């Protein structure tokens, strides 16, 4: 983990949050059931933001969204029912709102960025909260998808970590659902990444990983 980059970015957004905000985030990202949705993932996205900060209109708001986008992550409801990613995203937004001191328009911008992670492939900016917001949303989504372009062994390790978080999900269902998810990013002829700069850096590697991984998942899920 890169705690130094995390602390640098937190200092930039700290005054926009209530005093207990970081402690709440730290407790969340250190929950023992987490394997992929941890500080390590947050730090990696912050490193990407630092790399592409010149593209952002409001890098501070993108950083806030990175800190909060996986604040809530649970695989099951208290009664044992599977818990969808969209509900985790909604709860992460609500946790952010409880700790935010941003002005209303800025707070809604961060909420919309976090909400975008519920549907990476299709989400678009419905409201221009500030000049350049649509581009910031595209950059944030690209950053959250940057692990798709990781070296192959790291990509496989991420898949294993995500699998370990899927408590109570049968192996065949996990493989089938994961293949469905990845296929939404691997549409033929459609770029995985939205910004030209991130696409140039990551698209080919991500597409190669998906082409190798999806058939394996389909086989594990019971269909090819």
C-alpha atoms as a PDB file:
ATOM      1  CA  UNK A   1       0.000   0.000   0.000  1.00  0.00           C
ATOM      2  CA  UNK A   2       1.102   3.570  -0.683  1.00  0.00           C
ATOM      3  CA  UNK A   3       0.072   5.377   2.472  1.00  0.00           C
ATOM      4  CA  UNK A   4       2.084   8.454   1.547  1.00  0.00           C
ATOM      5  CA  UNK A   5       0.014   9.184  -1.566  1.00  0.00           C
ATOM      6  CA  UNK A   6      -3.159   8.508   0.412  1.00  0.00           C
ATOM      7  CA  UNK A   7      -2.180  11.000   3.075  1.00  0.00           C
ATOM      8  CA  UNK A   8      -1.204  13.606   0.458  1.00  0.00           C
ATOM      9  CA  UNK A   9      -4.578  13.377  -1.224  1.00  0.00           C
ATOM     10  CA  UNK A  10      -6.495  13.233   2.048  1.00  0.00           C
ATOM     11  CA  UNK A  11      -4.870  16.496   3.145  1.00  0.00           C
ATOM     12  CA  UNK A  12      -6.335  18.077   0.008  1.00  0.00           C
ATOM     13  CA  UNK A  13      -9.893  17.023   0.866  1.00  0.00           C
ATOM     14  CA  UNK A  14      -9.762  16.797   4.666  1.00  0.00           C
ATOM     15  CA  UNK A  15     -11.419  20.174   5.292  1.00  0.00           C
ATOM     16  CA  UNK A  16     -14.325  19.114   3.094  1.00  0.00           C
ATOM     17  CA  UNK A  17     -15.189  16.359   5.596  1.00  0.00           C
ATOM     18  CA  UNK A  18     -16.254  16.020   9.207  1.00  0.00           C
ATOM     19  CA  UNK A  19     -13.448  15.316  11.697  1.00  0.00           C
ATOM     20  CA  UNK A  20     -14.255  11.607  12.029  1.00  0.00           C
ATOM     21  CA  UNK A  21     -14.410  10.909   8.284  1.00  0.00           C
ATOM     22  CA  UNK A  22     -10.966   9.381   7.823  1.00  0.00           C
ATOM     23  CA  UNK A  23     -11.366   7.138  10.859  1.00  0.00           C
ATOM     24  CA  UNK A  24     -14.611   5.813   9.382  1.00  0.00           C
ATOM     25  CA  UNK A  25     -12.924   5.138   6.045  1.00  0.00           C
ATOM     26  CA  UNK A  26      -9.947   3.477   7.700  1.00  0.00           C
ATOM     27  CA  UNK A  27     -12.187   1.132   9.667  1.00  0.00           C
ATOM     28  CA  UNK A  28     -14.157   0.286   6.519  1.00  0.00           C
ATOM     29  CA  UNK A  29     -11.217  -0.461   4.245  1.00  0.00           C
ATOM     30  CA  UNK A  30      -9.546  -2.587   6.921  1.00  0.00           C
ATOM     31  CA  UNK A  31     -12.566  -4.861   7.482  1.00  0.00           C
ATOM     32  CA  UNK A  32     -11.287  -8.447   7.664  1.00  0.00           C
ATOM     33  CA  UNK A  33     -13.669  -9.801   5.018  1.00  0.00           C
ATOM     34  CA  UNK A  34     -12.208  -7.515   2.368  1.00  0.00           C
ATOM     35  CA  UNK A  35      -9.531  -8.750  -0.008  1.00  0.00           C
ATOM     36  CA  UNK A  36      -9.827  -6.586  -3.129  1.00  0.00           C
ATOM     37  CA  UNK A  37     -11.870  -3.569  -1.964  1.00  0.00           C
ATOM     38  CA  UNK A  38      -9.189  -2.390   0.461  1.00  0.00           C
ATOM     39  CA  UNK A  39      -6.869   0.571   0.925  1.00  0.00           C
ATOM     40  CA  UNK A  40      -4.607  -1.062  -1.645  1.00  0.00           C
ATOM     41  CA  UNK A  41      -7.260  -0.509  -4.326  1.00  0.00           C
ATOM     42  CA  UNK A  42      -7.857   3.078  -3.185  1.00  0.00           C
ATOM     43  CA  UNK A  43      -4.128   3.815  -3.203  1.00  0.00           C
ATOM     44  CA  UNK A  44      -3.767   2.433  -6.731  1.00  0.00           C
ATOM     45  CA  UNK A  45      -6.528   4.722  -7.986  1.00  0.00           C
ATOM     46  CA  UNK A  46      -4.949   7.717  -6.265  1.00  0.00           C
ATOM     47  CA  UNK A  47      -1.655   6.876  -7.980  1.00  0.00           C
ATOM     48  CA  UNK A  48      -3.516   6.865 -11.279  1.00  0.00           C
ATOM     49  CA  UNK A  49      -5.134  10.198 -10.462  1.00  0.00           C
ATOM     50  CA  UNK A  50      -1.736  11.684  -9.678  1.00  0.00           C
ATOM     51  CA  UNK A  51      -0.484  10.435 -13.037  1.00  0.00           C
ATOM     52  CA  UNK A  52      -3.417  11.932 -14.975  1.00  0.00           C
ATOM     53  CA  UNK A  53      -4.187  14.922 -12.762  1.00  0.00           C
ATOM     54  CA  UNK A  54      -3.532  17.316 -15.635  1.00  0.00           C
ATOM     55  CA  UNK A  55      -6.671  15.941 -17.316  1.00  0.00           C
ATOM     56  CA  UNK A  56      -8.959  16.710 -14.365  1.00  0.00           C
ATOM     57  CA  UNK A  57     -11.008  19.864 -13.905  1.00  0.00           C
ATOM     58  CA  UNK A  58     -11.532  19.113 -10.192  1.00  0.00           C
ATOM     59  CA  UNK A  59      -8.974  16.533  -9.050  1.00  0.00           C
ATOM     60  CA  UNK A  60      -9.979  17.198  -5.446  1.00  0.00           C
ATOM     61  CA  UNK A  61     -13.521  15.970  -6.107  1.00  0.00           C
ATOM     62  CA  UNK A  62     -12.258  12.935  -8.008  1.00  0.00           C
ATOM     63  CA  UNK A  63     -10.011  12.170  -5.025  1.00  0.00           C
ATOM     64  CA  UNK A  64     -12.996  12.418  -2.675  1.00  0.00           C
ATOM     65  CA  UNK A  65     -14.902   9.974  -4.884  1.00  0.00           C
ATOM     66  CA  UNK A  66     -11.967   7.564  -4.843  1.00  0.00           C
ATOM     67  CA  UNK A  67     -11.879   7.631  -1.054  1.00  0.00           C
ATOM     68  CA  UNK A  68     -15.606   6.937  -0.728  1.00  0.00           C
ATOM     69  CA  UNK A  69     -16.516   4.749  -3.698  1.00  0.00           C
ATOM     70  CA  UNK A  70     -16.082   1.421  -1.849  1.00  0.00           C
ATOM     71  CA  UNK A  71     -16.710   2.686   1.674  1.00  0.00           C
ATOM     72  CA  UNK A  72     -19.490   0.110   2.063  1.00  0.00           C
ATOM     73  CA  UNK A  73     -18.852  -3.371   0.716  1.00  0.00           C
ATOM     74  CA  UNK A  74     -20.797  -6.374   1.919  1.00  0.00           C
ATOM     75  CA  UNK A  75     -21.608  -9.567   0.035  1.00  0.00           C
ATOM     76  CA  UNK A  76     -24.691 -10.553   2.054  1.00  0.00           C
ATOM     77  CA  UNK A  77     -27.621  -8.868   3.742  1.00  0.00           C
ATOM     78  CA  UNK A  78     -28.127  -9.538   7.480  1.00  0.00           C
ATOM     79  CA  UNK A  79     -30.734 -12.161   6.580  1.00  0.00           C
ATOM     80  CA  UNK A  80     -28.273 -13.963   4.302  1.00  0.00           C
ATOM     81  CA  UNK A  81     -29.632 -12.773   0.954  1.00  0.00           C
ATOM     82  CA  UNK A  82     -27.025 -11.807  -1.670  1.00  0.00           C
ATOM     83  CA  UNK A  83     -26.316  -8.083  -1.654  1.00  0.00           C
ATOM     84  CA  UNK A  84     -25.958  -6.390  -5.036  1.00  0.00           C
ATOM     85  CA  UNK A  85     -23.123  -4.037  -5.909  1.00  0.00           C
ATOM     86  CA  UNK A  86     -25.635  -1.265  -6.594  1.00  0.00           C
ATOM     87  CA  UNK A  87     -26.784  -1.345  -2.965  1.00  0.00           C
ATOM     88  CA  UNK A  88     -23.191  -1.119  -1.745  1.00  0.00           C
ATOM     89  CA  UNK A  89     -22.721   1.904  -4.002  1.00  0.00           C
ATOM     90  CA  UNK A  90     -25.877   3.591  -2.698  1.00  0.00           C
ATOM     91  CA  UNK A  91     -24.797   2.985   0.887  1.00  0.00           C
ATOM     92  CA  UNK A  92     -21.312   4.322   0.125  1.00  0.00           C
ATOM     93  CA  UNK A  93     -22.907   7.517  -1.212  1.00  0.00           C
ATOM     94  CA  UNK A  94     -24.996   7.859   1.941  1.00  0.00           C
ATOM     95  CA  UNK A  95     -21.959   7.347   4.153  1.00  0.00           C
ATOM     96  CA  UNK A  96     -20.138  10.030   2.174  1.00  0.00           C
ATOM     97  CA  UNK A  97     -23.038  12.453   2.557  1.00  0.00           C
ATOM     98  CA  UNK A  98     -23.073  11.946   6.335  1.00  0.00           C
ATOM     99  CA  UNK A  99     -19.429  12.999   6.507  1.00  0.00           C
ATOM    100  CA  UNK A 100     -19.319  15.659   3.801  1.00  0.00           C
ATOM    101  CA  UNK A 101     -18.900  19.396   4.419  1.00  0.00           C
ATOM    102  CA  UNK A 102     -18.866  20.251   0.725  1.00  0.00           C
ATOM    103  CA  UNK A 103     -21.249  22.761  -0.791  1.00  0.00           C
ATOM    104  CA  UNK A 104     -24.396  21.177  -2.197  1.00  0.00           C
ATOM    105  CA  UNK A 105     -23.315  21.235  -5.848  1.00  0.00           C
ATOM    106  CA  UNK A 106     -19.889  19.799  -5.102  1.00  0.00           C
ATOM    107  CA  UNK A 107     -21.356  17.162  -2.813  1.00  0.00           C
ATOM    108  CA  UNK A 108     -23.743  16.068  -5.556  1.00  0.00           C
ATOM    109  CA  UNK A 109     -20.870  15.911  -8.032  1.00  0.00           C
ATOM    110  CA  UNK A 110     -18.961  13.505  -5.771  1.00  0.00           C
ATOM    111  CA  UNK A 111     -22.142  11.491  -5.176  1.00  0.00           C
ATOM    112  CA  UNK A 112     -22.645  11.186  -8.943  1.00  0.00           C
ATOM    113  CA  UNK A 113     -19.042  10.053  -9.412  1.00  0.00           C
ATOM    114  CA  UNK A 114     -19.415   7.343  -6.789  1.00  0.00           C
ATOM    115  CA  UNK A 115     -22.772   6.284  -8.241  1.00  0.00           C
ATOM    116  CA  UNK A 116     -21.099   5.834 -11.630  1.00  0.00           C
ATOM    117  CA  UNK A 117     -19.278   2.769 -10.302  1.00  0.00           C
ATOM    118  CA  UNK A 118     -22.574   0.857 -10.277  1.00  0.00           C
ATOM    119  CA  UNK A 119     -22.600   0.790 -14.099  1.00  0.00           C
ATOM    120  CA  UNK A 120     -19.146   1.533 -15.480  1.00  0.00           C
ATOM    121  CA  UNK A 121     -19.978   0.549 -19.037  1.00  0.00           C
ATOM    122  CA  UNK A 122     -23.035   2.719 -19.619  1.00  0.00           C
ATOM    123  CA  UNK A 123     -23.034   5.635 -17.187  1.00  0.00           C
ATOM    124  CA  UNK A 124     -22.810   9.165 -18.583  1.00  0.00           C
ATOM    125  CA  UNK A 125     -22.884  12.573 -16.923  1.00  0.00           C
ATOM    126  CA  UNK A 126     -26.529  13.632 -16.750  1.00  0.00           C
ATOM    127  CA  UNK A 127     -25.717  16.984 -15.121  1.00  0.00           C
ATOM    128  CA  UNK A 128     -22.732  19.251 -15.632  1.00  0.00           C
ATOM    129  CA  UNK A 129     -22.090  20.145 -11.997  1.00  0.00           C
ATOM    130  CA  UNK A 130     -19.135  22.287 -13.061  1.00  0.00           C
ATOM    131  CA  UNK A 131     -17.243  22.919 -16.308  1.00  0.00           C
ATOM    132  CA  UNK A 132     -15.421  19.697 -17.145  1.00  0.00           C
ATOM    133  CA  UNK A 133     -17.523  17.391 -14.959  1.00  0.00           C
ATOM    134  CA  UNK A 134     -18.273  14.949 -17.787  1.00  0.00           C
ATOM    135  CA  UNK A 135     -14.564  14.554 -18.460  1.00  0.00           C
ATOM    136  CA  UNK A 136     -13.891  14.066 -14.756  1.00  0.00           C
ATOM    137  CA  UNK A 137     -16.539  11.349 -14.589  1.00  0.00           C
ATOM    138  CA  UNK A 138     -14.942   9.583 -17.562  1.00  0.00           C
ATOM    139  CA  UNK A 139     -11.506   9.818 -15.941  1.00  0.00           C
ATOM    140  CA  UNK A 140     -12.796   8.487 -12.619  1.00  0.00           C
ATOM    141  CA  UNK A 141     -14.491   5.520 -14.292  1.00  0.00           C
ATOM    142  CA  UNK A 142     -11.288   4.790 -16.216  1.00  0.00           C
ATOM    143  CA  UNK A 143      -9.271   4.871 -12.999  1.00  0.00           C
ATOM    144  CA  UNK A 144     -11.638   2.428 -11.318  1.00  0.00           C
ATOM    145  CA  UNK A 145     -11.255   0.081 -14.298  1.00  0.00           C
ATOM    146  CA  UNK A 146      -7.474   0.430 -14.465  1.00  0.00           C
ATOM    147  CA  UNK A 147      -6.909  -2.937 -12.675  1.00  0.00           C
ATOM    148  CA  UNK A 148      -8.265  -4.642 -15.807  1.00  0.00           C
ATOM    149  CA  UNK A 149      -4.968  -3.672 -17.428  1.00  0.00           C
ATOM    150  CA  UNK A 150      -2.764  -5.080 -14.656  1.00  0.00           C
ATOM    151  CA  UNK A 151      -0.082  -7.652 -15.517  1.00  0.00           C
ATOM    152  CA  UNK A 152      -1.714 -11.045 -16.032  1.00  0.00           C
ATOM    153  CA  UNK A 153      -0.654 -12.579 -12.704  1.00  0.00           C
ATOM    154  CA  UNK A 154      -1.883  -9.496 -10.848  1.00  0.00           C
ATOM    155  CA  UNK A 155      -5.130  -9.642 -12.819  1.00  0.00           C
ATOM    156  CA  UNK A 156      -5.624 -13.272 -11.751  1.00  0.00           C
ATOM    157  CA  UNK A 157      -4.797 -12.378  -8.154  1.00  0.00           C
ATOM    158  CA  UNK A 158      -7.420  -9.619  -8.226  1.00  0.00           C
ATOM    159  CA  UNK A 159      -9.969 -12.128  -9.518  1.00  0.00           C
ATOM    160  CA  UNK A 160      -9.124 -14.473  -6.651  1.00  0.00           C
ATOM    161  CA  UNK A 161      -9.512 -11.628  -4.166  1.00  0.00           C
ATOM    162  CA  UNK A 162     -12.905 -10.693  -5.583  1.00  0.00           C
ATOM    163  CA  UNK A 163     -13.914 -14.362  -5.399  1.00  0.00           C
ATOM    164  CA  UNK A 164     -12.963 -14.529  -1.726  1.00  0.00           C
ATOM    165  CA  UNK A 165     -15.265 -11.587  -0.995  1.00  0.00           C
ATOM    166  CA  UNK A 166     -18.235 -13.337  -2.634  1.00  0.00           C
ATOM    167  CA  UNK A 167     -19.231 -15.190   0.504  1.00  0.00           C
ATOM    168  CA  UNK A 168     -21.785 -17.929  -0.028  1.00  0.00           C
ATOM    169  CA  UNK A 169     -21.804 -17.656  -3.829  1.00  0.00           C
ATOM    170  CA  UNK A 170     -21.356 -20.982  -5.625  1.00  0.00           C
ATOM    171  CA  UNK A 171     -18.278 -21.259  -7.822  1.00  0.00           C
ATOM    172  CA  UNK A 172     -20.265 -21.769 -11.028  1.00  0.00           C
ATOM    173  CA  UNK A 173     -22.459 -18.733 -10.360  1.00  0.00           C
ATOM    174  CA  UNK A 174     -19.491 -16.540  -9.485  1.00  0.00           C
ATOM    175  CA  UNK A 175     -17.694 -17.550 -12.683  1.00  0.00           C
ATOM    176  CA  UNK A 176     -20.780 -17.000 -14.829  1.00  0.00           C
ATOM    177  CA  UNK A 177     -21.589 -13.612 -13.266  1.00  0.00           C
ATOM    178  CA  UNK A 178     -17.982 -12.467 -13.516  1.00  0.00           C
ATOM    179  CA  UNK A 179     -17.821 -13.493 -17.176  1.00  0.00           C
ATOM    180  CA  UNK A 180     -21.023 -11.526 -17.862  1.00  0.00           C
ATOM    181  CA  UNK A 181     -19.516  -8.485 -16.169  1.00  0.00           C
ATOM    182  CA  UNK A 182     -16.231  -8.666 -18.047  1.00  0.00           C
ATOM    183  CA  UNK A 183     -17.973  -9.213 -21.364  1.00  0.00           C
ATOM    184  CA  UNK A 184     -19.704  -5.865 -20.949  1.00  0.00           C
ATOM    185  CA  UNK A 185     -16.255  -4.274 -21.083  1.00  0.00           C
ATOM    186  CA  UNK A 186     -14.955  -6.469 -23.903  1.00  0.00           C
ATOM    187  CA  UNK A 187     -17.502  -5.542 -26.572  1.00  0.00           C
ATOM    188  CA  UNK A 188     -15.873  -5.926 -29.957  1.00  0.00           C
ATOM    189  CA  UNK A 189     -14.773  -2.618 -31.427  1.00  0.00           C
ATOM    190  CA  UNK A 190     -15.662  -0.572 -28.342  1.00  0.00           C
ATOM    191  CA  UNK A 191     -12.836   0.906 -26.257  1.00  0.00           C
ATOM    192  CA  UNK A 192     -12.731  -0.121 -22.620  1.00  0.00           C
ATOM    193  CA  UNK A 193     -11.439   3.270 -21.499  1.00  0.00           C
ATOM    194  CA  UNK A 194     -13.069   6.618 -22.225  1.00  0.00           C
ATOM    195  CA  UNK A 195     -10.243   9.143 -22.149  1.00  0.00           C
ATOM    196  CA  UNK A 196      -7.775   9.034 -25.030  1.00  0.00           C
ATOM    197  CA  UNK A 197      -4.811   9.182 -22.652  1.00  0.00           C
ATOM    198  CA  UNK A 198      -5.925   6.280 -20.463  1.00  0.00           C
ATOM    199  CA  UNK A 199      -7.031   4.316 -23.514  1.00  0.00           C
ATOM    200  CA  UNK A 200      -3.587   4.624 -25.066  1.00  0.00           C
ATOM    201  CA  UNK A 201      -1.959   3.350 -21.889  1.00  0.00           C
ATOM    202  CA  UNK A 202      -4.349   0.610 -20.752  1.00  0.00           C
ATOM    203  CA  UNK A 203      -6.785  -0.532 -23.433  1.00  0.00           C
ATOM    204  CA  UNK A 204      -4.647  -3.123 -25.208  1.00  0.00           C
ATOM    205  CA  UNK A 205      -3.474  -4.746 -21.968  1.00  0.00           C
ATOM    206  CA  UNK A 206      -6.995  -4.847 -20.542  1.00  0.00           C
ATOM    207  CA  UNK A 207      -8.421  -6.357 -23.722  1.00  0.00           C
ATOM    208  CA  UNK A 208      -5.713  -9.021 -23.697  1.00  0.00           C
ATOM    209  CA  UNK A 209      -6.541  -9.922 -20.087  1.00  0.00           C
ATOM    210  CA  UNK A 210     -10.252 -10.166 -20.847  1.00  0.00           C
ATOM    211  CA  UNK A 211      -9.656 -12.347 -23.895  1.00  0.00           C
ATOM    212  CA  UNK A 212      -7.685 -14.776 -21.716  1.00  0.00           C
ATOM    213  CA  UNK A 213      -9.955 -14.652 -18.665  1.00  0.00           C
ATOM    214  CA  UNK A 214     -13.492 -14.798 -20.074  1.00  0.00           C
ATOM    215  CA  UNK A 215     -13.165 -18.268 -21.678  1.00  0.00           C
ATOM    216  CA  UNK A 216     -11.794 -19.633 -18.388  1.00  0.00           C
ATOM    217  CA  UNK A 217     -14.714 -18.183 -16.486  1.00  0.00           C
ATOM    218  CA  UNK A 218     -17.209 -19.503 -19.025  1.00  0.00           C
ATOM    219  CA  UNK A 219     -15.738 -22.984 -18.679  1.00  0.00           C
ATOM    220  CA  UNK A 220     -15.887 -22.771 -14.879  1.00  0.00           C
ATOM    221  CA  UNK A 221     -19.415 -21.444 -15.082  1.00  0.00           C
ATOM    222  CA  UNK A 222     -20.625 -24.394 -17.086  1.00  0.00           C
ATOM    223  CA  UNK A 223     -20.892 -22.939 -20.588  1.00  0.00           C
ATOM    224  CA  UNK A 224     -18.486 -21.840 -23.301  1.00  0.00           C
END
